[in-house]
Amino acid sequence: MISSEQVEKILIQGLQASSVKIQDDAALHAGHQPNNPAYYTVYVSSPLFKGKSLVQQHKMVYECLKEELKEKIHALAIKTKISD
């Protein structure tokens, strides 16, 4: 499992994010995975999203977290916003 603080740090560094909020959704998925993987909703604001489609923005988030998504994060919901 990966902590929300670790996810936040990765997104801030990888996306030059001006704002990152991590919501832990594990309680919504209780009993789904016995090895306790992470379930998060991430809210990310970044100037790097400017000129990018929503799909491209989400791909950028997935790219930042690609290693963590292999084993440490089971579910990820993404909300993005363009910041200055």
N, C-alpha and C. Protein backbone atom coordinates (compact mmCIF):
# COMPACT_ATOMS: atom_id res chain seq x y z
N MET A 1 0.84 -1.19 0.00
CA MET A 1 0.00 0.00 0.00
C MET A 1 0.88 1.24 0.00
N ILE A 2 0.36 2.31 -0.53
CA ILE A 2 1.07 3.58 -0.57
C ILE A 2 0.22 4.61 0.18
N SER A 3 0.88 5.47 0.92
CA SER A 3 0.14 6.47 1.69
C SER A 3 -0.32 7.62 0.80
N SER A 4 -1.33 8.33 1.26
CA SER A 4 -1.83 9.49 0.52
C SER A 4 -0.76 10.57 0.44
N GLU A 5 0.08 10.67 1.46
CA GLU A 5 1.17 11.64 1.45
C GLU A 5 2.18 11.33 0.35
N GLN A 6 2.45 10.05 0.14
CA GLN A 6 3.38 9.65 -0.92
C GLN A 6 2.79 9.96 -2.30
N VAL A 7 1.51 9.69 -2.47
CA VAL A 7 0.84 9.99 -3.74
C VAL A 7 0.88 11.49 -3.99
N GLU A 8 0.60 12.27 -2.97
CA GLU A 8 0.63 13.73 -3.10
C GLU A 8 2.01 14.21 -3.53
N LYS A 9 3.04 13.70 -2.91
CA LYS A 9 4.41 14.10 -3.24
C LYS A 9 4.75 13.77 -4.70
N ILE A 10 4.38 12.61 -5.15
CA ILE A 10 4.65 12.18 -6.53
C ILE A 10 3.95 13.11 -7.52
N LEU A 11 2.70 13.45 -7.24
CA LEU A 11 1.94 14.30 -8.15
C LEU A 11 2.45 15.74 -8.16
N ILE A 12 2.83 16.25 -7.01
CA ILE A 12 3.37 17.60 -6.94
C ILE A 12 4.66 17.68 -7.75
N GLN A 13 5.52 16.71 -7.56
CA GLN A 13 6.80 16.71 -8.28
C GLN A 13 6.62 16.45 -9.77
N GLY A 14 5.81 15.48 -10.11
CA GLY A 14 5.67 15.06 -11.50
C GLY A 14 4.87 16.00 -12.38
N LEU A 15 3.94 16.73 -11.76
CA LEU A 15 3.04 17.58 -12.54
C LEU A 15 3.18 19.06 -12.20
N GLN A 16 4.16 19.39 -11.39
CA GLN A 16 4.31 20.78 -10.93
C GLN A 16 2.97 21.28 -10.39
N ALA A 17 2.30 20.41 -9.67
CA ALA A 17 0.95 20.70 -9.20
C ALA A 17 0.93 21.85 -8.20
N SER A 18 -0.01 22.75 -8.40
CA SER A 18 -0.19 23.85 -7.47
C SER A 18 -1.11 23.45 -6.32
N SER A 19 -1.89 22.40 -6.55
CA SER A 19 -2.79 21.90 -5.52
C SER A 19 -3.03 20.41 -5.75
N VAL A 20 -2.95 19.65 -4.66
CA VAL A 20 -3.26 18.22 -4.71
C VAL A 20 -4.05 17.87 -3.45
N LYS A 21 -5.17 17.23 -3.64
CA LYS A 21 -5.97 16.72 -2.53
C LYS A 21 -6.19 15.24 -2.77
N ILE A 22 -5.95 14.45 -1.76
CA ILE A 22 -6.13 13.00 -1.87
C ILE A 22 -7.26 12.58 -0.93
N GLN A 23 -8.21 11.88 -1.49
CA GLN A 23 -9.33 11.34 -0.71
C GLN A 23 -9.16 9.83 -0.62
N ASP A 24 -9.12 9.30 0.58
CA ASP A 24 -8.98 7.86 0.78
C ASP A 24 -10.35 7.22 0.69
N ASP A 25 -10.54 6.38 -0.31
CA ASP A 25 -11.83 5.72 -0.55
C ASP A 25 -11.85 4.26 -0.09
N ALA A 26 -10.91 3.87 0.74
CA ALA A 26 -10.80 2.46 1.16
C ALA A 26 -12.08 1.95 1.82
N ALA A 27 -12.72 2.78 2.61
CA ALA A 27 -13.94 2.34 3.31
C ALA A 27 -15.05 1.95 2.33
N LEU A 28 -15.04 2.56 1.16
CA LEU A 28 -16.04 2.24 0.14
C LEU A 28 -15.81 0.88 -0.51
N HIS A 29 -14.60 0.35 -0.33
CA HIS A 29 -14.22 -0.91 -0.97
C HIS A 29 -13.85 -1.98 0.05
N ALA A 30 -14.33 -1.86 1.26
CA ALA A 30 -14.00 -2.81 2.32
C ALA A 30 -14.30 -4.24 1.89
N GLY A 31 -13.32 -5.11 2.08
CA GLY A 31 -13.49 -6.52 1.77
C GLY A 31 -13.18 -6.91 0.34
N HIS A 32 -12.86 -5.96 -0.53
CA HIS A 32 -12.59 -6.27 -1.93
C HIS A 32 -11.23 -6.93 -2.14
N GLN A 33 -10.22 -6.44 -1.44
CA GLN A 33 -8.87 -6.95 -1.61
C GLN A 33 -8.28 -7.28 -0.24
N PRO A 34 -7.93 -8.53 0.00
CA PRO A 34 -7.41 -8.90 1.32
C PRO A 34 -6.03 -8.33 1.65
N ASN A 35 -5.22 -7.96 0.65
CA ASN A 35 -3.88 -7.46 0.93
C ASN A 35 -3.85 -5.95 1.12
N ASN A 36 -5.02 -5.32 1.29
CA ASN A 36 -5.14 -3.92 1.66
C ASN A 36 -4.49 -2.92 0.70
N PRO A 37 -4.80 -2.98 -0.58
CA PRO A 37 -4.27 -1.96 -1.50
C PRO A 37 -5.00 -0.63 -1.30
N ALA A 38 -4.49 0.40 -1.89
CA ALA A 38 -5.05 1.73 -1.73
C ALA A 38 -6.16 2.01 -2.75
N TYR A 39 -7.13 2.77 -2.31
CA TYR A 39 -8.24 3.24 -3.15
C TYR A 39 -8.31 4.75 -2.95
N TYR A 40 -8.00 5.51 -3.99
CA TYR A 40 -7.94 6.96 -3.83
C TYR A 40 -8.72 7.70 -4.91
N THR A 41 -9.22 8.88 -4.53
CA THR A 41 -9.65 9.88 -5.49
C THR A 41 -8.65 11.01 -5.36
N VAL A 42 -8.06 11.44 -6.48
CA VAL A 42 -7.09 12.52 -6.45
C VAL A 42 -7.66 13.73 -7.17
N TYR A 43 -7.46 14.89 -6.57
CA TYR A 43 -7.85 16.18 -7.14
C TYR A 43 -6.55 16.93 -7.39
N VAL A 44 -6.26 17.21 -8.64
CA VAL A 44 -4.97 17.79 -9.01
C VAL A 44 -5.16 19.04 -9.87
N SER A 45 -4.50 20.13 -9.47
CA SER A 45 -4.46 21.36 -10.27
C SER A 45 -3.03 21.56 -10.72
N SER A 46 -2.85 21.78 -12.02
CA SER A 46 -1.50 21.95 -12.55
C SER A 46 -1.52 22.87 -13.77
N PRO A 47 -0.49 23.71 -13.89
CA PRO A 47 -0.38 24.52 -15.11
C PRO A 47 -0.01 23.67 -16.32
N LEU A 48 0.51 22.49 -16.10
CA LEU A 48 0.89 21.60 -17.22
C LEU A 48 -0.33 21.06 -17.96
N PHE A 49 -1.51 21.19 -17.37
CA PHE A 49 -2.74 20.71 -18.00
C PHE A 49 -3.25 21.69 -19.06
N LYS A 50 -2.72 22.90 -19.08
CA LYS A 50 -3.20 23.91 -20.02
C LYS A 50 -3.02 23.43 -21.46
N GLY A 51 -4.09 23.53 -22.24
CA GLY A 51 -4.07 23.11 -23.63
C GLY A 51 -4.24 21.61 -23.83
N LYS A 52 -4.41 20.87 -22.76
CA LYS A 52 -4.57 19.42 -22.84
C LYS A 52 -6.04 19.05 -22.67
N SER A 53 -6.47 18.02 -23.35
CA SER A 53 -7.83 17.51 -23.17
C SER A 53 -7.92 16.81 -21.81
N LEU A 54 -9.13 16.55 -21.37
CA LEU A 54 -9.33 15.85 -20.10
C LEU A 54 -8.65 14.48 -20.13
N VAL A 55 -8.77 13.78 -21.24
CA VAL A 55 -8.13 12.46 -21.38
C VAL A 55 -6.61 12.60 -21.26
N GLN A 56 -6.04 13.59 -21.90
CA GLN A 56 -4.59 13.81 -21.82
C GLN A 56 -4.17 14.15 -20.39
N GLN A 57 -4.96 14.94 -19.69
CA GLN A 57 -4.67 15.28 -18.29
C GLN A 57 -4.65 14.03 -17.43
N HIS A 58 -5.65 13.19 -17.62
CA HIS A 58 -5.72 11.95 -16.83
C HIS A 58 -4.55 11.03 -17.16
N LYS A 59 -4.18 10.95 -18.43
CA LYS A 59 -3.02 10.14 -18.81
C LYS A 59 -1.75 10.64 -18.13
N MET A 60 -1.64 11.95 -17.97
CA MET A 60 -0.47 12.52 -17.29
C MET A 60 -0.43 12.08 -15.82
N VAL A 61 -1.59 12.04 -15.18
CA VAL A 61 -1.66 11.58 -13.79
C VAL A 61 -1.29 10.10 -13.72
N TYR A 62 -1.87 9.30 -14.61
CA TYR A 62 -1.55 7.87 -14.64
C TYR A 62 -0.06 7.64 -14.88
N GLU A 63 0.54 8.43 -15.74
CA GLU A 63 1.97 8.28 -16.03
C GLU A 63 2.80 8.54 -14.77
N CYS A 64 2.43 9.55 -14.01
CA CYS A 64 3.15 9.85 -12.77
C CYS A 64 3.07 8.70 -11.77
N LEU A 65 1.94 8.02 -11.77
CA LEU A 65 1.70 6.97 -10.78
C LEU A 65 1.81 5.55 -11.34
N LYS A 66 2.42 5.41 -12.52
CA LYS A 66 2.42 4.11 -13.19
C LYS A 66 3.04 2.99 -12.35
N GLU A 67 4.10 3.25 -11.64
CA GLU A 67 4.72 2.20 -10.82
C GLU A 67 3.83 1.83 -9.64
N GLU A 68 3.23 2.82 -9.03
CA GLU A 68 2.36 2.59 -7.88
C GLU A 68 1.09 1.84 -8.28
N LEU A 69 0.61 2.09 -9.50
CA LEU A 69 -0.60 1.44 -9.99
C LEU A 69 -0.39 -0.06 -10.26
N LYS A 70 0.85 -0.47 -10.41
CA LYS A 70 1.12 -1.89 -10.68
C LYS A 70 0.74 -2.76 -9.49
N GLU A 71 1.00 -2.30 -8.25
CA GLU A 71 0.74 -3.14 -7.09
C GLU A 71 0.22 -2.40 -5.87
N LYS A 72 0.49 -1.11 -5.76
CA LYS A 72 0.19 -0.39 -4.52
C LYS A 72 -1.15 0.33 -4.53
N ILE A 73 -1.67 0.66 -5.70
CA ILE A 73 -2.96 1.35 -5.81
C ILE A 73 -3.89 0.45 -6.61
N HIS A 74 -5.03 0.13 -6.01
CA HIS A 74 -5.98 -0.75 -6.68
C HIS A 74 -7.01 0.05 -7.49
N ALA A 75 -7.44 1.19 -6.95
CA ALA A 75 -8.45 2.00 -7.64
C ALA A 75 -8.06 3.47 -7.54
N LEU A 76 -8.23 4.18 -8.65
CA LEU A 76 -7.86 5.59 -8.70
C LEU A 76 -8.90 6.36 -9.50
N ALA A 77 -9.54 7.32 -8.86
CA ALA A 77 -10.43 8.25 -9.54
C ALA A 77 -9.68 9.58 -9.64
N ILE A 78 -9.84 10.27 -10.76
CA ILE A 78 -9.05 11.48 -11.02
C ILE A 78 -9.97 12.65 -11.35
N LYS A 79 -9.69 13.78 -10.70
CA LYS A 79 -10.35 15.05 -11.00
C LYS A 79 -9.22 16.05 -11.24
N THR A 80 -9.20 16.67 -12.42
CA THR A 80 -8.12 17.60 -12.75
C THR A 80 -8.66 19.01 -12.99
N LYS A 81 -7.76 19.96 -12.82
CA LYS A 81 -8.09 21.36 -13.03
C LYS A 81 -6.84 22.07 -13.51
N ILE A 82 -7.02 23.01 -14.42
CA ILE A 82 -5.90 23.80 -14.94
C ILE A 82 -5.64 24.95 -13.98
N SER A 83 -4.40 25.10 -13.54
CA SER A 83 -4.04 26.23 -12.68
C SER A 83 -3.07 27.14 -13.41
N ASP A 84 -2.92 28.34 -12.89
CA ASP A 84 -2.00 29.32 -13.49
C ASP A 84 -0.59 29.11 -13.00
